[in-house]
Structures are given as structure tokens and as C-alpha cells.
Amino acid sequence: MDDGSTQESRTALRGCFVLRYTVPMSLAITSTVKTYPSHDYVTMADKILGKRYDLSLVFVGSARAATLNKKYRQKTYSPNVLSFPLDERTGEIFICPQVAAHEAAAFDLSPAGYVGFLFIHGCLHLKGLDHGDTMDAQEAKWVKHFKLV
């Protein structure tokens, strides 16, 4: 199957050709809110999660975020971000820009920069990290790498 993602490379062994099929990262972005910050979410997810991860990113309003939080976490508030791993290479991230806009200043970030931070945070959860020093260090690394400050 050649879908344009085939890479041809020559090996050192008798000049043989090896065909490598690479499946690019899949990222579907949907929104139930009018606007959301623009970032290179594909590159960010690719760097953090790897090229073979399938990710759905959804921007939601505070009512939808609260409904999801209640249904899946039994929490009664509107969260800024929710991440749901579906399997080892598939997951979903829900971000509420409205909540993020209210919290951004407390993190010394613009609302757009904070949404980028929340996307990184969600990706790190999908990668298996929990809150703590390791996650904090990874967040700082990626925020700097993607120039969100």
C-alpha cells in the first residue's frame, strides 16, 4: 500500500532498498466553542506522544467540561483540561478555554499560552505521567521548547 507515506532508503548492505511505512500522527481537532487559541498542536503532540499516537483534541465550554468531569470523575466543577487514554496509542483531550482564561494569570501565562500548557499537561497524562516533580519538569521543558511564555 502506497499512500504517500512511504520512505525509501538505501541500506549499507549491498545497496538494498528498504521501504519503511510511517504512519503520521493523527490529530482530530473539534470545538463546541466559538474560538480557541491557535497552536501547532500536531507538532506538540508528535514531540510529546510520538508519531504513532492517535489523538482527539476537543475544545468545550464550561458546562460541557463540568458534565464530562461529573460523568467520568465524579467531580462537580468545570475543569480546565481532561485527558482520557483509550488505549496505549489513542487518547482524547478536552480543554475548556473559558476556564483557562480565568486561570492563566496565576501561572504567568497569557490565556493562549496557558491553553498550550494545558495541552502539554494533557499529553503528559496520556503518556502516563501523574502530578508531581517529573511532570512539572516535563511541563517546564515543553513550555520552553514551544515558546509558550
Protein backbone atom coordinates (compact mmCIF):
# COMPACT_ATOMS: atom_id res chain seq x y z
CA MET A 1 0.00 0.00 0.00
CA ASP A 2 1.48 3.35 -1.00
CA ASP A 3 -0.39 6.27 0.49
CA GLY A 4 2.43 8.77 0.08
CA SER A 5 3.86 7.98 3.47
CA THR A 6 6.40 5.52 2.14
CA GLN A 7 10.04 6.43 2.63
CA GLU A 8 12.71 4.76 0.55
CA SER A 9 16.17 4.40 2.00
CA ARG A 10 19.32 2.61 0.92
CA THR A 11 20.99 0.31 3.44
CA ALA A 12 24.74 -0.19 3.75
CA LEU A 13 24.19 -3.86 2.99
CA ARG A 14 24.72 -4.47 -0.76
CA GLY A 15 22.81 -1.35 -1.74
CA CYS A 16 19.44 -2.93 -0.95
CA PHE A 17 16.39 -0.75 -0.77
CA VAL A 18 14.20 -0.87 2.29
CA LEU A 19 10.70 0.52 2.24
CA ARG A 20 9.60 1.98 5.53
CA TYR A 21 5.98 2.80 6.09
CA THR A 22 5.45 5.56 8.57
CA VAL A 23 2.02 6.38 9.85
CA PRO A 24 1.91 10.07 10.66
CA MET A 25 0.42 11.18 13.91
CA SER A 26 -3.32 11.55 13.68
CA LEU A 27 -4.87 14.55 15.42
CA ALA A 28 -8.52 15.49 15.10
CA ILE A 29 -9.46 18.90 16.49
CA THR A 30 -13.09 19.76 17.15
CA SER A 31 -14.70 22.57 19.06
CA THR A 32 -18.03 23.33 20.67
CA VAL A 33 -16.89 26.89 21.46
CA LYS A 34 -16.60 29.78 19.01
CA THR A 35 -12.87 30.36 19.37
CA TYR A 36 -9.82 28.67 20.74
CA PRO A 37 -6.11 29.52 20.66
CA SER A 38 -4.12 28.50 17.65
CA HIS A 39 -1.01 26.43 18.32
CA ASP A 40 0.82 23.80 16.31
CA TYR A 41 -0.98 21.05 18.22
CA VAL A 42 0.15 18.35 15.77
CA THR A 43 3.84 19.11 16.31
CA MET A 44 3.36 19.41 20.06
CA ALA A 45 1.59 16.06 20.30
CA ASP A 46 4.07 14.43 17.93
CA LYS A 47 7.03 15.54 20.06
CA ILE A 48 5.43 14.51 23.36
CA LEU A 49 3.45 11.40 22.42
CA GLY A 50 5.28 10.15 19.34
CA LYS A 51 4.42 9.80 15.70
CA ARG A 52 2.14 6.78 16.07
CA TYR A 53 -0.34 8.26 18.54
CA ASP A 54 -3.95 8.97 17.52
CA LEU A 55 -5.32 11.93 19.43
CA SER A 56 -8.61 13.75 19.56
CA LEU A 57 -8.49 17.32 20.88
CA VAL A 58 -11.81 18.92 21.77
CA PHE A 59 -12.38 22.48 22.93
CA VAL A 60 -15.50 22.69 25.08
CA GLY A 61 -17.46 25.22 27.09
CA SER A 62 -17.59 25.15 30.86
CA ALA A 63 -20.98 23.39 31.00
CA ARG A 64 -19.75 20.52 28.79
CA ALA A 65 -16.49 20.30 30.75
CA ALA A 66 -18.46 20.08 34.03
CA THR A 67 -20.71 17.36 32.57
CA LEU A 68 -17.71 15.28 31.49
CA ASN A 69 -16.00 15.83 34.84
CA LYS A 70 -19.11 14.68 36.72
CA LYS A 71 -19.70 11.67 34.48
CA TYR A 72 -16.14 10.33 34.37
CA ARG A 73 -14.51 11.64 37.54
CA GLN A 74 -17.47 12.25 39.87
CA LYS A 75 -16.25 15.85 40.35
CA THR A 76 -18.67 18.79 40.41
CA TYR A 77 -16.69 21.64 38.85
CA SER A 78 -15.61 22.77 35.38
CA PRO A 79 -12.03 21.60 34.83
CA ASN A 80 -9.53 23.35 32.61
CA VAL A 81 -8.41 20.09 30.94
CA LEU A 82 -9.42 16.44 30.92
CA SER A 83 -7.45 13.65 29.29
CA PHE A 84 -8.69 10.16 28.61
CA PRO A 85 -6.38 7.40 27.42
CA LEU A 86 -8.39 4.99 25.27
CA ASP A 87 -5.57 2.53 24.73
CA GLU A 88 -1.78 2.57 24.52
CA ARG A 89 -1.70 4.72 21.36
CA THR A 90 -5.05 6.50 21.38
CA GLY A 91 -6.47 9.22 23.60
CA GLU A 92 -8.67 12.26 23.96
CA ILE A 93 -8.02 15.68 25.47
CA PHE A 94 -10.79 18.14 26.33
CA ILE A 95 -9.78 21.74 27.05
CA CYS A 96 -12.06 24.48 28.33
CA PRO A 97 -10.69 27.84 27.08
CA GLN A 98 -13.16 29.74 29.28
CA VAL A 99 -11.77 28.20 32.47
CA ALA A 100 -8.23 28.55 31.14
CA ALA A 101 -8.73 32.27 30.54
CA HIS A 102 -9.62 32.78 34.22
CA GLU A 103 -6.61 30.77 35.47
CA ALA A 104 -3.87 31.91 33.08
CA ALA A 105 -2.62 34.90 35.09
CA ALA A 106 -1.99 32.71 38.14
CA PHE A 107 0.52 30.77 36.01
CA ASP A 108 2.14 33.89 34.50
CA LEU A 109 0.91 32.89 31.05
CA SER A 110 -1.37 34.53 28.52
CA PRO A 111 -4.71 32.76 28.05
CA ALA A 112 -3.42 31.35 24.73
CA GLY A 113 -0.14 30.27 26.30
CA TYR A 114 -2.00 28.61 29.15
CA VAL A 115 -4.15 26.61 26.73
CA GLY A 116 -0.89 25.42 25.14
CA PHE A 117 0.35 24.48 28.60
CA LEU A 118 -2.88 22.58 29.29
CA PHE A 119 -2.47 20.68 26.02
CA ILE A 120 1.06 19.69 27.11
CA HIS A 121 -0.31 18.71 30.53
CA GLY A 122 -2.97 16.53 28.94
CA CYS A 123 -0.43 14.89 26.61
CA LEU A 124 1.82 14.08 29.57
CA HIS A 125 -1.10 12.43 31.37
CA LEU A 126 -1.78 10.36 28.24
CA LYS A 127 1.88 9.39 28.29
CA GLY A 128 1.33 8.02 31.80
CA LEU A 129 2.71 10.80 34.00
CA ASP A 130 0.98 11.76 37.22
CA HIS A 131 1.16 15.10 39.00
CA GLY A 132 4.49 15.64 40.72
CA ASP A 133 8.09 16.67 40.16
CA THR A 134 8.59 14.63 36.99
CA MET A 135 5.50 16.10 35.35
CA ASP A 136 6.44 19.61 36.49
CA ALA A 137 9.90 19.25 34.93
CA GLN A 138 8.47 17.88 31.67
CA GLU A 139 5.90 20.69 31.51
CA ALA A 140 8.61 23.32 32.02
CA LYS A 141 10.75 21.69 29.32
CA TRP A 142 7.94 21.65 26.74
CA VAL A 143 6.62 25.12 27.59
CA LYS A 144 10.12 26.45 26.94
CA HIS A 145 10.57 24.30 23.82
CA PHE A 146 7.29 25.51 22.28
CA LYS A 147 7.89 29.11 23.44
CA LEU A 148 4.60 29.47 25.30
CA VAL A 149 5.96 32.05 27.76
